[in-house]
């Protein structure tokens, strides 16, 4: 408020504010990593239809999608996608992957979010975009802490921890998350979780 009428001061306050936002994001991610790596860090999985977790995240990110005029197509199997998952943590993973897809997609691009049961009977959630893609030698490295793809490291404030946290969460639910490139350009992130209908309804799991 004090910077009104003083353009130079307004710019300085804006720089301070943006630096604070970046620092807050880093601290929050570091706290998340510390929680996941602690001996007491646990998730609580339950038998749940993943479709009920994916749709709210897609709706939540609609403003960012619409701002870039992105054509987001959500295709989920009509049959329930039942898995053992921690609802909050699973949504955290989907939110991170989809937000990245929106962030690095071109204006007017297309994003496909698909959920189906694959040939092995596992549940596969795939998020594909038309962004810059990922260099082949970096496809697995981007899941390491503080590593970002050289094609998307644009100084926009990312901490390089989001995908590392996603992998820890999915590993704790006995699933996998991996990235690949599309032949027509862009990347695909696949989250796979096993169907274990015979397991208990809820159980704690260590976040190793």
C-alpha atoms as a PDB file:
ATOM      1  CA  UNK A   1       0.000   0.000   0.000  1.00  0.00           C
ATOM      2  CA  UNK A   2       2.868   2.378   0.766  1.00  0.00           C
ATOM      3  CA  UNK A   3       4.232   1.925  -2.744  1.00  0.00           C
ATOM      4  CA  UNK A   4       1.246   3.551  -4.418  1.00  0.00           C
ATOM      5  CA  UNK A   5       2.380   6.344  -6.682  1.00  0.00           C
ATOM      6  CA  UNK A   6       5.994   5.206  -6.553  1.00  0.00           C
ATOM      7  CA  UNK A   7       6.689   2.846  -9.447  1.00  0.00           C
ATOM      8  CA  UNK A   8      10.261   2.067  -8.376  1.00  0.00           C
ATOM      9  CA  UNK A   9       9.172   1.150  -4.851  1.00  0.00           C
ATOM     10  CA  UNK A  10       6.270  -0.904  -6.190  1.00  0.00           C
ATOM     11  CA  UNK A  11       8.677  -2.961  -8.304  1.00  0.00           C
ATOM     12  CA  UNK A  12      10.913  -3.604  -5.287  1.00  0.00           C
ATOM     13  CA  UNK A  13       8.003  -4.661  -3.097  1.00  0.00           C
ATOM     14  CA  UNK A  14       6.794  -6.943  -5.887  1.00  0.00           C
ATOM     15  CA  UNK A  15      10.231  -8.581  -6.126  1.00  0.00           C
ATOM     16  CA  UNK A  16      10.265  -9.132  -2.352  1.00  0.00           C
ATOM     17  CA  UNK A  17       6.761 -10.622  -2.451  1.00  0.00           C
ATOM     18  CA  UNK A  18       7.594 -13.023  -5.288  1.00  0.00           C
ATOM     19  CA  UNK A  19      10.796 -14.090  -3.534  1.00  0.00           C
ATOM     20  CA  UNK A  20       8.760 -14.802  -0.417  1.00  0.00           C
ATOM     21  CA  UNK A  21       6.322 -16.949  -2.402  1.00  0.00           C
ATOM     22  CA  UNK A  22       9.200 -18.966  -3.871  1.00  0.00           C
ATOM     23  CA  UNK A  23      10.760 -19.419  -0.423  1.00  0.00           C
ATOM     24  CA  UNK A  24       7.429 -20.531   1.043  1.00  0.00           C
ATOM     25  CA  UNK A  25       7.034 -23.125  -1.714  1.00  0.00           C
ATOM     26  CA  UNK A  26      10.526 -24.454  -1.025  1.00  0.00           C
ATOM     27  CA  UNK A  27       9.966 -24.633   2.743  1.00  0.00           C
ATOM     28  CA  UNK A  28       6.628 -26.409   2.294  1.00  0.00           C
ATOM     29  CA  UNK A  29       8.189 -28.956  -0.068  1.00  0.00           C
ATOM     30  CA  UNK A  30      11.121 -29.530   2.289  1.00  0.00           C
ATOM     31  CA  UNK A  31       8.716 -30.091   5.176  1.00  0.00           C
ATOM     32  CA  UNK A  32       6.786 -32.558   3.021  1.00  0.00           C
ATOM     33  CA  UNK A  33       9.987 -34.429   2.165  1.00  0.00           C
ATOM     34  CA  UNK A  34      10.999 -34.512   5.838  1.00  0.00           C
ATOM     35  CA  UNK A  35       7.604 -35.925   6.776  1.00  0.00           C
ATOM     36  CA  UNK A  36       7.785 -38.598   4.075  1.00  0.00           C
ATOM     37  CA  UNK A  37      11.294 -39.638   5.151  1.00  0.00           C
ATOM     38  CA  UNK A  38      10.591 -39.671   8.886  1.00  0.00           C
ATOM     39  CA  UNK A  39      10.183 -42.940  10.739  1.00  0.00           C
ATOM     40  CA  UNK A  40       6.700 -41.926  11.849  1.00  0.00           C
ATOM     41  CA  UNK A  41       5.526 -40.803   8.430  1.00  0.00           C
ATOM     42  CA  UNK A  42       2.601 -42.963   7.354  1.00  0.00           C
ATOM     43  CA  UNK A  43      -0.209 -43.020   4.880  1.00  0.00           C
ATOM     44  CA  UNK A  44      -3.591 -44.598   5.478  1.00  0.00           C
ATOM     45  CA  UNK A  45      -4.990 -46.420   2.490  1.00  0.00           C
ATOM     46  CA  UNK A  46      -8.563 -47.401   1.926  1.00  0.00           C
ATOM     47  CA  UNK A  47     -10.511 -49.153  -0.765  1.00  0.00           C
ATOM     48  CA  UNK A  48     -11.741 -46.331  -2.980  1.00  0.00           C
ATOM     49  CA  UNK A  49     -12.843 -45.576  -6.520  1.00  0.00           C
ATOM     50  CA  UNK A  50     -10.053 -43.392  -7.930  1.00  0.00           C
ATOM     51  CA  UNK A  51     -12.506 -41.671 -10.287  1.00  0.00           C
ATOM     52  CA  UNK A  52     -13.999 -39.888  -7.246  1.00  0.00           C
ATOM     53  CA  UNK A  53     -10.537 -38.496  -6.438  1.00  0.00           C
ATOM     54  CA  UNK A  54      -9.482 -37.490  -9.949  1.00  0.00           C
ATOM     55  CA  UNK A  55     -12.569 -35.494 -10.961  1.00  0.00           C
ATOM     56  CA  UNK A  56     -12.341 -32.939  -8.097  1.00  0.00           C
ATOM     57  CA  UNK A  57      -8.674 -32.250  -8.900  1.00  0.00           C
ATOM     58  CA  UNK A  58      -9.524 -31.638 -12.563  1.00  0.00           C
ATOM     59  CA  UNK A  59     -12.272 -29.202 -11.512  1.00  0.00           C
ATOM     60  CA  UNK A  60      -9.914 -27.486  -9.071  1.00  0.00           C
ATOM     61  CA  UNK A  61      -7.391 -26.753 -11.827  1.00  0.00           C
ATOM     62  CA  UNK A  62      -9.960 -25.539 -14.364  1.00  0.00           C
ATOM     63  CA  UNK A  63      -9.046 -21.833 -13.908  1.00  0.00           C
ATOM     64  CA  UNK A  64      -5.410 -22.465 -14.888  1.00  0.00           C
ATOM     65  CA  UNK A  65      -6.538 -24.649 -17.770  1.00  0.00           C
ATOM     66  CA  UNK A  66      -9.013 -22.066 -19.070  1.00  0.00           C
ATOM     67  CA  UNK A  67      -6.509 -19.239 -18.704  1.00  0.00           C
ATOM     68  CA  UNK A  68      -4.276 -20.991 -21.262  1.00  0.00           C
ATOM     69  CA  UNK A  69      -7.229 -22.074 -23.451  1.00  0.00           C
ATOM     70  CA  UNK A  70      -6.241 -25.719 -22.978  1.00  0.00           C
ATOM     71  CA  UNK A  71      -8.494 -28.458 -24.269  1.00  0.00           C
ATOM     72  CA  UNK A  72      -8.511 -30.883 -21.340  1.00  0.00           C
ATOM     73  CA  UNK A  73     -10.167 -34.215 -22.070  1.00  0.00           C
ATOM     74  CA  UNK A  74     -11.012 -36.482 -19.149  1.00  0.00           C
ATOM     75  CA  UNK A  75     -11.650 -40.119 -20.053  1.00  0.00           C
ATOM     76  CA  UNK A  76     -12.321 -42.509 -17.177  1.00  0.00           C
ATOM     77  CA  UNK A  77     -13.592 -46.065 -17.459  1.00  0.00           C
ATOM     78  CA  UNK A  78     -17.292 -46.456 -16.781  1.00  0.00           C
ATOM     79  CA  UNK A  79     -16.467 -49.309 -14.415  1.00  0.00           C
ATOM     80  CA  UNK A  80     -15.180 -48.292 -10.952  1.00  0.00           C
ATOM     81  CA  UNK A  81     -11.408 -47.956 -10.653  1.00  0.00           C
ATOM     82  CA  UNK A  82     -11.083 -49.513  -7.203  1.00  0.00           C
ATOM     83  CA  UNK A  83      -7.652 -49.401  -5.594  1.00  0.00           C
ATOM     84  CA  UNK A  84      -6.077 -49.180  -2.158  1.00  0.00           C
ATOM     85  CA  UNK A  85      -4.990 -45.562  -1.837  1.00  0.00           C
ATOM     86  CA  UNK A  86      -4.616 -42.698   0.592  1.00  0.00           C
ATOM     87  CA  UNK A  87      -7.195 -40.232  -0.825  1.00  0.00           C
ATOM     88  CA  UNK A  88      -5.404 -37.021   0.193  1.00  0.00           C
ATOM     89  CA  UNK A  89      -1.963 -38.199  -0.901  1.00  0.00           C
ATOM     90  CA  UNK A  90      -3.234 -39.663  -4.170  1.00  0.00           C
ATOM     91  CA  UNK A  91      -4.912 -36.361  -5.008  1.00  0.00           C
ATOM     92  CA  UNK A  92      -1.633 -34.603  -4.183  1.00  0.00           C
ATOM     93  CA  UNK A  93       0.092 -36.701  -6.842  1.00  0.00           C
ATOM     94  CA  UNK A  94      -2.596 -36.132  -9.480  1.00  0.00           C
ATOM     95  CA  UNK A  95      -2.640 -32.405  -8.693  1.00  0.00           C
ATOM     96  CA  UNK A  96       1.123 -32.114  -9.107  1.00  0.00           C
ATOM     97  CA  UNK A  97       1.253 -34.035 -12.374  1.00  0.00           C
ATOM     98  CA  UNK A  98      -1.740 -32.242 -13.907  1.00  0.00           C
ATOM     99  CA  UNK A  99      -0.549 -28.801 -12.759  1.00  0.00           C
ATOM    100  CA  UNK A 100       2.814 -29.469 -14.415  1.00  0.00           C
ATOM    101  CA  UNK A 101       1.068 -30.529 -17.627  1.00  0.00           C
ATOM    102  CA  UNK A 102      -0.918 -27.276 -17.651  1.00  0.00           C
ATOM    103  CA  UNK A 103       2.118 -25.188 -16.736  1.00  0.00           C
ATOM    104  CA  UNK A 104       4.282 -26.482 -19.559  1.00  0.00           C
ATOM    105  CA  UNK A 105       1.593 -26.859 -22.229  1.00  0.00           C
ATOM    106  CA  UNK A 106       1.405 -24.294 -25.027  1.00  0.00           C
ATOM    107  CA  UNK A 107      -1.521 -21.911 -25.159  1.00  0.00           C
ATOM    108  CA  UNK A 108      -4.389 -23.650 -26.919  1.00  0.00           C
ATOM    109  CA  UNK A 109      -2.807 -27.071 -26.383  1.00  0.00           C
ATOM    110  CA  UNK A 110      -4.471 -30.312 -25.384  1.00  0.00           C
ATOM    111  CA  UNK A 111      -4.158 -32.458 -22.264  1.00  0.00           C
ATOM    112  CA  UNK A 112      -5.598 -35.959 -21.944  1.00  0.00           C
ATOM    113  CA  UNK A 113      -6.318 -37.490 -18.540  1.00  0.00           C
ATOM    114  CA  UNK A 114      -7.200 -41.161 -18.795  1.00  0.00           C
ATOM    115  CA  UNK A 115      -8.027 -43.780 -16.200  1.00  0.00           C
ATOM    116  CA  UNK A 116      -8.410 -47.437 -17.072  1.00  0.00           C
ATOM    117  CA  UNK A 117      -7.589 -50.987 -16.063  1.00  0.00           C
ATOM    118  CA  UNK A 118      -4.615 -52.261 -18.044  1.00  0.00           C
ATOM    119  CA  UNK A 119      -3.894 -55.739 -19.410  1.00  0.00           C
ATOM    120  CA  UNK A 120      -2.374 -56.859 -16.088  1.00  0.00           C
ATOM    121  CA  UNK A 121      -5.483 -55.883 -14.134  1.00  0.00           C
ATOM    122  CA  UNK A 122      -3.803 -52.847 -12.584  1.00  0.00           C
ATOM    123  CA  UNK A 123      -5.221 -49.341 -12.608  1.00  0.00           C
ATOM    124  CA  UNK A 124      -3.347 -46.914 -14.861  1.00  0.00           C
ATOM    125  CA  UNK A 125      -3.845 -43.147 -14.712  1.00  0.00           C
ATOM    126  CA  UNK A 126      -2.162 -41.358 -17.627  1.00  0.00           C
ATOM    127  CA  UNK A 127      -1.720 -37.598 -18.083  1.00  0.00           C
ATOM    128  CA  UNK A 128      -0.423 -36.624 -21.525  1.00  0.00           C
ATOM    129  CA  UNK A 129       0.361 -33.144 -22.808  1.00  0.00           C
ATOM    130  CA  UNK A 130       1.741 -31.308 -25.837  1.00  0.00           C
ATOM    131  CA  UNK A 131       4.549 -29.583 -23.978  1.00  0.00           C
ATOM    132  CA  UNK A 132       8.291 -29.626 -24.737  1.00  0.00           C
ATOM    133  CA  UNK A 133       8.760 -33.248 -23.689  1.00  0.00           C
ATOM    134  CA  UNK A 134      11.628 -34.592 -21.586  1.00  0.00           C
ATOM    135  CA  UNK A 135      15.122 -35.508 -22.842  1.00  0.00           C
ATOM    136  CA  UNK A 136      15.366 -39.341 -22.812  1.00  0.00           C
ATOM    137  CA  UNK A 137      18.326 -39.336 -20.421  1.00  0.00           C
ATOM    138  CA  UNK A 138      16.269 -37.332 -17.895  1.00  0.00           C
ATOM    139  CA  UNK A 139      13.078 -39.413 -17.846  1.00  0.00           C
ATOM    140  CA  UNK A 140      13.928 -41.088 -14.539  1.00  0.00           C
ATOM    141  CA  UNK A 141      16.166 -38.385 -13.082  1.00  0.00           C
ATOM    142  CA  UNK A 142      13.270 -35.920 -12.823  1.00  0.00           C
ATOM    143  CA  UNK A 143      11.894 -38.022  -9.950  1.00  0.00           C
ATOM    144  CA  UNK A 144      15.021 -37.324  -7.888  1.00  0.00           C
ATOM    145  CA  UNK A 145      14.967 -34.447  -5.361  1.00  0.00           C
ATOM    146  CA  UNK A 146      15.940 -31.007  -6.706  1.00  0.00           C
ATOM    147  CA  UNK A 147      16.128 -32.253 -10.307  1.00  0.00           C
ATOM    148  CA  UNK A 148      14.131 -30.566 -13.068  1.00  0.00           C
ATOM    149  CA  UNK A 149      14.039 -31.293 -16.773  1.00  0.00           C
ATOM    150  CA  UNK A 150      16.403 -29.078 -18.745  1.00  0.00           C
ATOM    151  CA  UNK A 151      13.513 -28.319 -21.106  1.00  0.00           C
ATOM    152  CA  UNK A 152      11.237 -26.968 -18.373  1.00  0.00           C
ATOM    153  CA  UNK A 153      13.705 -25.345 -15.982  1.00  0.00           C
ATOM    154  CA  UNK A 154      12.593 -21.818 -16.730  1.00  0.00           C
ATOM    155  CA  UNK A 155      13.040 -20.048 -13.402  1.00  0.00           C
ATOM    156  CA  UNK A 156       9.308 -20.012 -12.717  1.00  0.00           C
ATOM    157  CA  UNK A 157       9.746 -20.925  -9.073  1.00  0.00           C
ATOM    158  CA  UNK A 158       9.652 -24.733  -9.070  1.00  0.00           C
ATOM    159  CA  UNK A 159      11.625 -26.428  -6.296  1.00  0.00           C
ATOM    160  CA  UNK A 160      12.429 -29.696  -8.054  1.00  0.00           C
ATOM    161  CA  UNK A 161      10.775 -31.630  -5.217  1.00  0.00           C
ATOM    162  CA  UNK A 162       7.246 -32.178  -6.512  1.00  0.00           C
ATOM    163  CA  UNK A 163       7.893 -35.294  -8.575  1.00  0.00           C
ATOM    164  CA  UNK A 164      10.236 -36.734  -5.941  1.00  0.00           C
ATOM    165  CA  UNK A 165       7.414 -36.444  -3.412  1.00  0.00           C
ATOM    166  CA  UNK A 166       4.993 -38.016  -5.894  1.00  0.00           C
ATOM    167  CA  UNK A 167       7.243 -41.049  -6.340  1.00  0.00           C
ATOM    168  CA  UNK A 168       7.583 -41.543  -2.572  1.00  0.00           C
ATOM    169  CA  UNK A 169       3.813 -41.424  -2.163  1.00  0.00           C
ATOM    170  CA  UNK A 170       3.093 -43.849  -5.002  1.00  0.00           C
ATOM    171  CA  UNK A 171       5.897 -46.192  -3.848  1.00  0.00           C
ATOM    172  CA  UNK A 172       4.288 -46.270  -0.398  1.00  0.00           C
ATOM    173  CA  UNK A 173       1.036 -47.425  -2.019  1.00  0.00           C
ATOM    174  CA  UNK A 174       2.915 -50.205  -3.873  1.00  0.00           C
ATOM    175  CA  UNK A 175       2.431 -48.469  -7.200  1.00  0.00           C
ATOM    176  CA  UNK A 176       4.653 -46.877  -9.811  1.00  0.00           C
ATOM    177  CA  UNK A 177       4.924 -43.498 -11.506  1.00  0.00           C
ATOM    178  CA  UNK A 178       6.931 -43.020 -14.683  1.00  0.00           C
ATOM    179  CA  UNK A 179       7.362 -40.543 -17.524  1.00  0.00           C
ATOM    180  CA  UNK A 180       7.748 -41.067 -21.246  1.00  0.00           C
ATOM    181  CA  UNK A 181       7.622 -39.000 -24.424  1.00  0.00           C
ATOM    182  CA  UNK A 182       4.876 -39.057 -27.055  1.00  0.00           C
ATOM    183  CA  UNK A 183       5.905 -39.711 -30.639  1.00  0.00           C
ATOM    184  CA  UNK A 184       3.882 -36.675 -31.746  1.00  0.00           C
ATOM    185  CA  UNK A 185       5.467 -34.426 -29.101  1.00  0.00           C
ATOM    186  CA  UNK A 186       4.857 -33.836 -25.440  1.00  0.00           C
ATOM    187  CA  UNK A 187       5.124 -36.151 -22.469  1.00  0.00           C
ATOM    188  CA  UNK A 188       3.044 -38.755 -20.631  1.00  0.00           C
ATOM    189  CA  UNK A 189       3.052 -39.423 -16.902  1.00  0.00           C
ATOM    190  CA  UNK A 190       1.627 -42.798 -15.883  1.00  0.00           C
ATOM    191  CA  UNK A 191       0.546 -43.677 -12.363  1.00  0.00           C
ATOM    192  CA  UNK A 192      -0.122 -47.373 -11.822  1.00  0.00           C
ATOM    193  CA  UNK A 193      -1.714 -48.866  -8.726  1.00  0.00           C
ATOM    194  CA  UNK A 194      -2.532 -52.533  -8.108  1.00  0.00           C
ATOM    195  CA  UNK A 195      -6.049 -53.795  -7.512  1.00  0.00           C
ATOM    196  CA  UNK A 196      -6.038 -55.683  -4.212  1.00  0.00           C
ATOM    197  CA  UNK A 197      -9.642 -56.333  -3.399  1.00  0.00           C
ATOM    198  CA  UNK A 198      -8.714 -58.974  -0.821  1.00  0.00           C
ATOM    199  CA  UNK A 199      -6.694 -56.572   1.350  1.00  0.00           C
ATOM    200  CA  UNK A 200      -8.098 -54.974   4.518  1.00  0.00           C
ATOM    201  CA  UNK A 201     -10.218 -51.883   4.057  1.00  0.00           C
ATOM    202  CA  UNK A 202      -7.607 -49.656   5.709  1.00  0.00           C
ATOM    203  CA  UNK A 203      -4.007 -50.092   6.729  1.00  0.00           C
ATOM    204  CA  UNK A 204      -1.067 -47.880   7.721  1.00  0.00           C
ATOM    205  CA  UNK A 205       2.011 -47.851   5.515  1.00  0.00           C
ATOM    206  CA  UNK A 206       5.445 -46.402   6.157  1.00  0.00           C
ATOM    207  CA  UNK A 207       6.597 -43.704   3.749  1.00  0.00           C
ATOM    208  CA  UNK A 208      10.123 -44.990   3.138  1.00  0.00           C
END
